[in-house]
Amino acid sequence: GPLKPEITITYIAVSAIFFNSGLSLKTEELTSALMHVKLHLFVQIFTLVFFPTAIWLFLQLLSITPINEWLLKGLQTVGCMPPPVSSAVILTKAVGGNEAAAIFNSAFGSFLGIVITPLLLLLFLGSSSSVPFTSIFSQLFMTVVVPLIIGQIVRRYIKDWLERKKPPFGTISSCVLLMIIYTTFCDTFANPNIDLDKFSLIIIVFIIFSVQMSFMFLTFLFSTRNNSGFTPADTVAIVFCSTHKSLTLGIPMLKIVFAGYEHLSLISVPLLIYHPAQILLGSLLVPTIKSWMVSRQKAQKLTRQPKAPVKV
């Protein structure tokens, strides 16, 4: 179509999101986030080990139901996907959480996903093909790492102007993300070969929302335990990064791994539902999570303040 998503989305939109993040993020915050190894390990293990395994176990139960088997296979592919390169960062930023940690895990998780996701698909679905790791890796490097570095360099020269004017970085990123979702939906449902039965589709939508809510609650519980060592801002990044799945990396990867599959359109549907669902659910929860984070941070500040000596 006239929007040319193969260029505007694949390259320009994703690059714009990370240039925007590089421009708005304080360099010292980004460097300190790199040292938070415990947080990164938690997010990557949850996303690329626990998530696909839990979905596989759940699908063993669903396999005896009349739900379309290709939609169920699509659910498994969702579980195998890496974290997204955009939505988790935008929602973490909207709440005021640890944006630097969200950026690192989104970028690092995407690079891990280039190797791990095809292996997971092979393990759980038995699909194999020659995946062009070099081209995907170079594309990710050019659309994620390079724009982020350029944004950080530009920030050094216009830092005072940014502090004064405070441009609406969050709104810009949200608008770009909306364009990504719109073009992906157009691309998939314009396919004349897609054959969906309404019962299976409704059940899959319900399952996707249930899985997201359950996993968000689970990561929230784990990261807010007394001995977890995570701050409220860290928890926000963990909740979004651990439970979100990449559409911009996922759809091209499915097209590569399942090249020639007649049911590719059906396999893609759960991921196409999951992506807007995670943004919709995340956006609805932003005010609630933000008020929780602010109140928790205030409570922590009060407990750290030294008590005034009592006069006898």
Foldseek 3Di string as FASTA:
>chain_A
DVVPCVDCVLAVLLLLQLLLVLQPDDPVLLVVLVVPVLLLVLQLCLQAPVQLVVLLVVVVVVVVPPADVLLSLLSSLQSRFFFAQALLLLLLVLLPFSSSNLNVNRLVRNLVSLPRSQVSCCVRPVFDDDRPSPVSNVSSCNRHVVSSVVSNVVNVVCVVVCVVPVDPSSVSSVVSVVVNLVVVVCVLVVDPLDDDDPVNVVVLLVVLLVQLVVQLVVLLVQCPDPPNPDALSSSSSSSSNNRHGYPSSSLVVLCRRCPPPSCSSSSNVSVSSNHVSSNVVSVVCSVVSSVVNVVRVVVVVVVPDDDDDDDD
